[in-house]
N, C-alpha and C. Protein backbone atom coordinates (compact mmCIF):
# COMPACT_ATOMS: atom_id res chain seq x y z
N UNK A 1 0.84 -1.17 0.00
CA UNK A 1 0.00 0.00 0.00
C UNK A 1 0.89 1.24 0.00
N UNK A 2 0.48 2.19 -0.81
CA UNK A 2 1.28 3.40 -0.95
C UNK A 2 0.78 4.54 -0.07
N UNK A 3 -0.49 4.47 0.34
CA UNK A 3 -1.08 5.57 1.09
C UNK A 3 -2.22 5.08 1.98
N UNK A 4 -2.45 5.83 3.03
CA UNK A 4 -3.59 5.54 3.91
C UNK A 4 -4.89 5.67 3.14
N UNK A 5 -4.88 6.42 2.05
CA UNK A 5 -6.09 6.62 1.26
C UNK A 5 -6.58 5.34 0.59
N UNK A 6 -5.75 4.31 0.58
CA UNK A 6 -6.13 3.01 0.04
C UNK A 6 -6.80 2.13 1.08
N UNK A 7 -6.74 2.50 2.34
CA UNK A 7 -7.34 1.71 3.41
C UNK A 7 -8.86 1.80 3.36
N UNK A 8 -9.52 0.65 3.40
CA UNK A 8 -10.98 0.64 3.37
C UNK A 8 -11.57 1.34 4.59
N UNK A 9 -10.93 1.21 5.74
CA UNK A 9 -11.45 1.87 6.95
C UNK A 9 -11.40 3.39 6.79
N UNK A 10 -10.36 3.92 6.14
CA UNK A 10 -10.26 5.37 5.92
C UNK A 10 -11.32 5.82 4.91
N UNK A 11 -11.49 5.04 3.84
CA UNK A 11 -12.48 5.39 2.81
C UNK A 11 -13.89 5.47 3.39
N UNK A 12 -14.25 4.46 4.19
CA UNK A 12 -15.59 4.42 4.78
C UNK A 12 -15.78 5.57 5.76
N UNK A 13 -14.77 5.85 6.57
CA UNK A 13 -14.85 6.96 7.53
C UNK A 13 -14.94 8.30 6.81
N UNK A 14 -14.30 8.41 5.66
CA UNK A 14 -14.37 9.63 4.86
C UNK A 14 -15.78 9.85 4.33
N UNK A 15 -16.42 8.77 3.87
CA UNK A 15 -17.82 8.87 3.42
C UNK A 15 -18.71 9.36 4.56
N UNK A 16 -18.51 8.80 5.74
CA UNK A 16 -19.30 9.20 6.90
C UNK A 16 -19.05 10.66 7.24
N UNK A 17 -17.79 11.08 7.24
CA UNK A 17 -17.45 12.47 7.55
C UNK A 17 -18.13 13.43 6.59
N UNK A 18 -18.12 13.10 5.32
CA UNK A 18 -18.76 13.97 4.32
C UNK A 18 -20.27 14.05 4.53
N UNK A 19 -20.88 12.92 4.83
CA UNK A 19 -22.32 12.88 5.07
C UNK A 19 -22.68 13.73 6.30
N UNK A 20 -21.91 13.61 7.36
CA UNK A 20 -22.19 14.36 8.58
C UNK A 20 -21.96 15.85 8.39
N UNK A 21 -21.00 16.21 7.57
CA UNK A 21 -20.73 17.62 7.29
C UNK A 21 -21.93 18.28 6.62
N UNK A 22 -22.58 17.55 5.73
CA UNK A 22 -23.79 18.06 5.09
C UNK A 22 -24.95 18.09 6.08
N UNK A 23 -25.08 17.03 6.86
CA UNK A 23 -26.19 16.91 7.81
C UNK A 23 -26.24 18.07 8.80
N UNK A 24 -25.10 18.42 9.39
CA UNK A 24 -25.11 19.44 10.45
C UNK A 24 -25.48 20.82 9.93
N UNK A 25 -25.41 21.01 8.63
CA UNK A 25 -25.82 22.31 8.06
C UNK A 25 -27.31 22.54 8.22
N UNK A 26 -28.07 21.47 8.49
CA UNK A 26 -29.52 21.62 8.69
C UNK A 26 -29.88 21.86 10.16
N UNK A 27 -28.91 21.80 11.05
CA UNK A 27 -29.17 22.02 12.48
C UNK A 27 -29.41 23.51 12.74
N UNK A 28 -30.07 23.84 13.83
CA UNK A 28 -30.31 25.25 14.17
C UNK A 28 -28.99 26.02 14.34
N UNK A 29 -29.04 27.29 14.03
CA UNK A 29 -27.83 28.12 14.07
C UNK A 29 -27.21 28.17 15.47
N UNK A 30 -28.04 28.05 16.52
CA UNK A 30 -27.47 28.11 17.88
C UNK A 30 -26.60 26.88 18.19
N UNK A 31 -26.71 25.85 17.39
CA UNK A 31 -25.88 24.65 17.58
C UNK A 31 -24.59 24.70 16.77
N UNK A 32 -24.40 25.75 16.00
CA UNK A 32 -23.23 25.83 15.12
C UNK A 32 -21.91 25.64 15.86
N UNK A 33 -21.74 26.26 16.98
CA UNK A 33 -20.48 26.18 17.73
C UNK A 33 -20.57 25.23 18.91
N UNK A 34 -21.63 24.46 18.96
CA UNK A 34 -21.79 23.47 20.01
C UNK A 34 -21.85 22.09 19.39
N UNK A 35 -23.02 21.55 19.19
CA UNK A 35 -23.17 20.18 18.70
C UNK A 35 -22.60 20.00 17.30
N UNK A 36 -22.85 20.93 16.40
CA UNK A 36 -22.32 20.81 15.03
C UNK A 36 -20.81 20.73 15.05
N UNK A 37 -20.20 21.61 15.82
CA UNK A 37 -18.74 21.63 15.91
C UNK A 37 -18.21 20.31 16.48
N UNK A 38 -18.88 19.78 17.47
CA UNK A 38 -18.45 18.51 18.07
C UNK A 38 -18.56 17.35 17.07
N UNK A 39 -19.63 17.32 16.31
CA UNK A 39 -19.80 16.27 15.31
C UNK A 39 -18.74 16.38 14.22
N UNK A 40 -18.50 17.58 13.75
CA UNK A 40 -17.48 17.78 12.71
C UNK A 40 -16.10 17.40 13.23
N UNK A 41 -15.77 17.83 14.44
CA UNK A 41 -14.44 17.51 15.00
C UNK A 41 -14.26 16.01 15.20
N UNK A 42 -15.27 15.34 15.73
CA UNK A 42 -15.15 13.89 15.96
C UNK A 42 -15.03 13.13 14.65
N UNK A 43 -15.80 13.53 13.64
CA UNK A 43 -15.73 12.83 12.35
C UNK A 43 -14.38 13.06 11.68
N UNK A 44 -13.83 14.25 11.81
CA UNK A 44 -12.50 14.52 11.25
C UNK A 44 -11.41 13.79 12.03
N UNK A 45 -11.63 13.62 13.30
CA UNK A 45 -10.66 12.92 14.14
C UNK A 45 -10.48 11.48 13.69
N UNK A 46 -11.56 10.85 13.26
CA UNK A 46 -11.48 9.45 12.82
C UNK A 46 -10.50 9.33 11.66
N UNK A 47 -10.74 10.08 10.59
CA UNK A 47 -9.89 9.96 9.41
C UNK A 47 -8.47 10.47 9.69
N UNK A 48 -8.36 11.53 10.46
CA UNK A 48 -7.03 12.08 10.77
C UNK A 48 -6.20 11.09 11.57
N UNK A 49 -6.80 10.40 12.52
CA UNK A 49 -6.05 9.43 13.32
C UNK A 49 -5.63 8.22 12.50
N UNK A 50 -6.48 7.77 11.59
CA UNK A 50 -6.10 6.66 10.71
C UNK A 50 -4.90 7.09 9.87
N UNK A 51 -4.96 8.29 9.31
CA UNK A 51 -3.86 8.80 8.48
C UNK A 51 -2.58 8.97 9.29
N UNK A 52 -2.69 9.57 10.46
CA UNK A 52 -1.48 9.80 11.27
C UNK A 52 -0.86 8.49 11.71
N UNK A 53 -1.68 7.54 12.11
CA UNK A 53 -1.16 6.24 12.50
C UNK A 53 -0.43 5.56 11.37
N UNK A 54 -1.00 5.63 10.17
CA UNK A 54 -0.38 5.04 9.00
C UNK A 54 1.01 5.63 8.77
N UNK A 55 1.13 6.91 9.00
CA UNK A 55 2.40 7.60 8.77
C UNK A 55 3.47 7.32 9.80
N UNK A 56 3.13 6.67 10.89
CA UNK A 56 4.11 6.37 11.93
C UNK A 56 5.02 5.20 11.57
N UNK A 57 4.57 4.29 10.75
CA UNK A 57 5.34 3.14 10.29
C UNK A 57 5.79 2.20 11.40
N UNK A 58 5.17 2.28 12.54
CA UNK A 58 5.41 1.33 13.63
C UNK A 58 4.04 0.76 14.01
N UNK A 59 3.96 -0.54 14.04
CA UNK A 59 2.67 -1.18 14.25
C UNK A 59 1.97 -0.68 15.52
N UNK A 60 2.69 -0.63 16.64
CA UNK A 60 2.04 -0.27 17.89
C UNK A 60 1.53 1.17 17.88
N UNK A 61 2.31 2.07 17.30
CA UNK A 61 1.84 3.45 17.20
C UNK A 61 0.63 3.54 16.27
N UNK A 62 0.68 2.82 15.17
CA UNK A 62 -0.44 2.81 14.25
C UNK A 62 -1.70 2.30 14.95
N UNK A 63 -1.55 1.22 15.70
CA UNK A 63 -2.68 0.67 16.46
C UNK A 63 -3.24 1.71 17.42
N UNK A 64 -2.36 2.42 18.12
CA UNK A 64 -2.82 3.41 19.10
C UNK A 64 -3.62 4.53 18.44
N UNK A 65 -3.16 5.00 17.29
CA UNK A 65 -3.91 6.05 16.59
C UNK A 65 -5.25 5.52 16.09
N UNK A 66 -5.27 4.28 15.63
CA UNK A 66 -6.54 3.68 15.20
C UNK A 66 -7.50 3.56 16.37
N UNK A 67 -6.97 3.26 17.54
CA UNK A 67 -7.83 3.19 18.73
C UNK A 67 -8.41 4.56 19.06
N UNK A 68 -7.63 5.60 18.86
CA UNK A 68 -8.14 6.96 19.08
C UNK A 68 -9.28 7.24 18.10
N UNK A 69 -9.09 6.85 16.86
CA UNK A 69 -10.14 7.01 15.86
C UNK A 69 -11.39 6.24 16.22
N UNK A 70 -11.19 5.04 16.76
CA UNK A 70 -12.33 4.21 17.19
C UNK A 70 -13.09 4.92 18.30
N UNK A 71 -12.38 5.53 19.22
CA UNK A 71 -13.04 6.30 20.29
C UNK A 71 -13.87 7.44 19.72
N UNK A 72 -13.36 8.08 18.68
CA UNK A 72 -14.11 9.18 18.05
C UNK A 72 -15.39 8.67 17.38
N UNK A 73 -15.36 7.46 16.86
CA UNK A 73 -16.59 6.88 16.29
C UNK A 73 -17.65 6.69 17.37
N UNK A 74 -17.25 6.23 18.53
CA UNK A 74 -18.21 6.08 19.63
C UNK A 74 -18.69 7.44 20.12
N UNK A 75 -17.81 8.43 20.10
CA UNK A 75 -18.20 9.80 20.46
C UNK A 75 -19.28 10.30 19.49
N UNK A 76 -19.12 9.97 18.21
CA UNK A 76 -20.13 10.38 17.21
C UNK A 76 -21.50 9.80 17.53
N UNK A 77 -21.53 8.55 17.96
CA UNK A 77 -22.81 7.94 18.32
C UNK A 77 -23.49 8.78 19.41
N UNK A 78 -22.74 9.16 20.41
CA UNK A 78 -23.33 9.96 21.49
C UNK A 78 -23.84 11.30 20.98
N UNK A 79 -23.06 11.97 20.15
CA UNK A 79 -23.51 13.26 19.60
C UNK A 79 -24.76 13.11 18.76
N UNK A 80 -24.85 12.01 18.04
CA UNK A 80 -26.04 11.79 17.20
C UNK A 80 -27.26 11.44 18.04
N UNK A 81 -27.06 10.76 19.15
CA UNK A 81 -28.17 10.51 20.08
C UNK A 81 -28.69 11.85 20.62
N UNK A 82 -27.77 12.75 20.95
CA UNK A 82 -28.17 14.08 21.41
C UNK A 82 -28.96 14.79 20.30
N UNK A 83 -28.46 14.72 19.06
CA UNK A 83 -29.16 15.36 17.94
C UNK A 83 -30.57 14.80 17.79
N UNK A 84 -30.70 13.49 17.99
CA UNK A 84 -32.03 12.87 17.92
C UNK A 84 -32.90 13.33 19.09
N UNK A 85 -32.34 13.34 20.27
CA UNK A 85 -33.09 13.78 21.46
C UNK A 85 -33.59 15.22 21.31
N UNK A 86 -32.80 16.05 20.66
CA UNK A 86 -33.16 17.46 20.48
C UNK A 86 -34.08 17.67 19.27
N UNK A 87 -34.34 16.62 18.51
CA UNK A 87 -35.23 16.72 17.36
C UNK A 87 -34.57 17.22 16.09
N UNK A 88 -33.24 17.22 16.04
CA UNK A 88 -32.52 17.71 14.85
C UNK A 88 -32.43 16.64 13.76
N UNK A 89 -32.49 15.36 14.17
CA UNK A 89 -32.53 14.27 13.22
C UNK A 89 -33.63 13.30 13.65
N UNK A 90 -34.15 12.56 12.70
CA UNK A 90 -35.22 11.61 13.01
C UNK A 90 -34.64 10.32 13.58
N UNK A 91 -35.50 9.51 14.13
CA UNK A 91 -35.09 8.20 14.65
C UNK A 91 -34.52 7.34 13.52
N UNK A 92 -35.13 7.45 12.35
CA UNK A 92 -34.64 6.70 11.19
C UNK A 92 -33.24 7.13 10.77
N UNK A 93 -33.00 8.44 10.79
CA UNK A 93 -31.65 8.93 10.48
C UNK A 93 -30.65 8.44 11.50
N UNK A 94 -31.04 8.46 12.77
CA UNK A 94 -30.14 7.98 13.82
C UNK A 94 -29.79 6.52 13.59
N UNK A 95 -30.77 5.71 13.29
CA UNK A 95 -30.53 4.28 13.05
C UNK A 95 -29.59 4.09 11.86
N UNK A 96 -29.84 4.82 10.78
CA UNK A 96 -28.98 4.69 9.59
C UNK A 96 -27.55 5.13 9.88
N UNK A 97 -27.40 6.22 10.60
CA UNK A 97 -26.07 6.72 10.91
C UNK A 97 -25.33 5.78 11.87
N UNK A 98 -26.05 5.23 12.84
CA UNK A 98 -25.43 4.25 13.73
C UNK A 98 -24.95 3.04 12.94
N UNK A 99 -25.73 2.62 11.97
CA UNK A 99 -25.34 1.48 11.13
C UNK A 99 -24.04 1.80 10.39
N UNK A 100 -23.96 2.99 9.84
CA UNK A 100 -22.75 3.38 9.12
C UNK A 100 -21.55 3.46 10.06
N UNK A 101 -21.77 3.97 11.25
CA UNK A 101 -20.68 4.04 12.23
C UNK A 101 -20.21 2.65 12.60
N UNK A 102 -21.14 1.73 12.78
CA UNK A 102 -20.75 0.36 13.11
C UNK A 102 -20.03 -0.32 11.95
N UNK A 103 -20.35 0.05 10.74
CA UNK A 103 -19.59 -0.47 9.59
C UNK A 103 -18.16 0.07 9.63
N UNK A 104 -18.02 1.35 9.97
CA UNK A 104 -16.67 1.93 10.13
C UNK A 104 -15.91 1.22 11.25
N UNK A 105 -16.60 0.95 12.34
CA UNK A 105 -15.97 0.24 13.46
C UNK A 105 -15.51 -1.15 13.04
N UNK A 106 -16.32 -1.82 12.25
CA UNK A 106 -15.96 -3.16 11.79
C UNK A 106 -14.68 -3.11 10.98
N UNK A 107 -14.60 -2.19 10.05
CA UNK A 107 -13.41 -2.06 9.23
C UNK A 107 -12.19 -1.66 10.05
N UNK A 108 -12.39 -0.71 10.94
CA UNK A 108 -11.27 -0.23 11.75
C UNK A 108 -10.79 -1.31 12.71
N UNK A 109 -11.70 -2.02 13.34
CA UNK A 109 -11.29 -3.12 14.22
C UNK A 109 -10.58 -4.22 13.44
N UNK A 110 -11.03 -4.48 12.23
CA UNK A 110 -10.34 -5.45 11.39
C UNK A 110 -8.92 -5.01 11.09
N UNK A 111 -8.74 -3.72 10.82
CA UNK A 111 -7.41 -3.20 10.54
C UNK A 111 -6.54 -3.26 11.80
N UNK A 112 -7.10 -2.92 12.94
CA UNK A 112 -6.36 -3.01 14.20
C UNK A 112 -5.92 -4.44 14.45
N UNK A 113 -6.83 -5.39 14.23
CA UNK A 113 -6.47 -6.81 14.41
C UNK A 113 -5.37 -7.23 13.44
N UNK A 114 -5.47 -6.78 12.22
CA UNK A 114 -4.43 -7.06 11.22
C UNK A 114 -3.08 -6.51 11.69
N UNK A 115 -3.08 -5.27 12.15
CA UNK A 115 -1.82 -4.66 12.60
C UNK A 115 -1.23 -5.44 13.77
N UNK A 116 -2.09 -5.88 14.68
CA UNK A 116 -1.60 -6.68 15.81
C UNK A 116 -0.95 -7.97 15.36
N UNK A 117 -1.54 -8.62 14.37
CA UNK A 117 -0.95 -9.86 13.84
C UNK A 117 0.34 -9.56 13.09
N UNK A 118 0.33 -8.50 12.30
CA UNK A 118 1.52 -8.14 11.53
C UNK A 118 2.67 -7.76 12.46
N UNK A 119 2.34 -7.11 13.58
CA UNK A 119 3.35 -6.72 14.56
C UNK A 119 4.08 -7.94 15.09
N UNK A 120 3.37 -9.04 15.20
CA UNK A 120 3.95 -10.27 15.74
C UNK A 120 4.90 -10.97 14.77
N UNK A 121 4.81 -10.65 13.51
CA UNK A 121 5.72 -11.37 12.64
C UNK A 121 5.64 -11.06 11.18
N UNK A 122 5.29 -9.87 10.82
CA UNK A 122 5.21 -9.64 9.40
C UNK A 122 5.36 -8.19 9.04
N UNK A 123 4.97 -7.93 7.83
CA UNK A 123 5.02 -6.57 7.32
C UNK A 123 3.62 -6.19 6.85
N UNK A 124 3.50 -4.99 6.31
CA UNK A 124 2.21 -4.54 5.82
C UNK A 124 1.75 -5.40 4.66
N UNK A 125 0.49 -5.64 4.59
CA UNK A 125 -0.12 -6.37 3.47
C UNK A 125 -1.50 -5.78 3.25
N UNK A 126 -2.37 -6.53 2.63
CA UNK A 126 -3.73 -6.05 2.41
C UNK A 126 -4.51 -6.04 3.71
N UNK A 127 -5.49 -5.14 3.77
CA UNK A 127 -6.35 -5.03 4.94
C UNK A 127 -7.18 -6.31 5.06
N UNK A 128 -7.44 -6.78 6.27
CA UNK A 128 -8.17 -8.04 6.46
C UNK A 128 -9.67 -7.90 6.25
N UNK A 129 -10.33 -9.02 6.25
CA UNK A 129 -11.78 -9.05 6.19
C UNK A 129 -12.34 -8.56 7.52
N UNK A 130 -13.63 -8.24 7.54
CA UNK A 130 -14.27 -7.76 8.76
C UNK A 130 -14.21 -8.80 9.86
N UNK A 131 -13.92 -8.36 11.07
CA UNK A 131 -13.96 -9.23 12.23
C UNK A 131 -14.90 -8.69 13.29
N UNK A 132 -15.45 -7.52 13.06
CA UNK A 132 -16.37 -6.88 14.00
C UNK A 132 -17.76 -7.01 13.43
N UNK A 133 -18.69 -7.41 14.22
CA UNK A 133 -20.06 -7.55 13.74
C UNK A 133 -20.90 -6.37 14.19
N UNK A 134 -21.73 -5.93 13.30
CA UNK A 134 -22.61 -4.80 13.65
C UNK A 134 -23.77 -5.32 14.48
N UNK A 135 -24.31 -4.50 15.34
CA UNK A 135 -25.44 -4.92 16.18
C UNK A 135 -26.64 -5.32 15.31
N UNK A 136 -27.36 -6.32 15.74
CA UNK A 136 -28.50 -6.82 14.98
C UNK A 136 -29.68 -5.86 14.99
N UNK A 137 -29.70 -4.95 15.95
CA UNK A 137 -30.87 -4.09 16.07
C UNK A 137 -30.79 -2.84 15.17
N UNK A 138 -29.86 -2.81 14.24
CA UNK A 138 -29.78 -1.66 13.31
C UNK A 138 -30.29 -2.05 11.96
């Protein structure tokens, strides 16, 4: 792989980030520097941490940055629950967005697992298949 941009986990997180960037533009103006800002920052954190970890070229550091990105995905779920509670998004939108976040988590956890295995005795190769299952209730 020549770039983090080839990673499926980064590609999926980028799609999510773009979707959320459009979504928050429909929120009330008083949320611009509160909830909207938090959603934008958390979604950018996911892709930025995947990219930064990739650039470290050490498996353990890469894993740590991916874990930070994973934490930001869970943070997004909380922000979206707040958006739903406040009536800014529908229950259906929340369910769809949670599904997408869990797909990102699946890819990212698969990459983290791959890195852990590669750390034990190998070099970079292709990203592994999914090892994280999405919740059945989505």
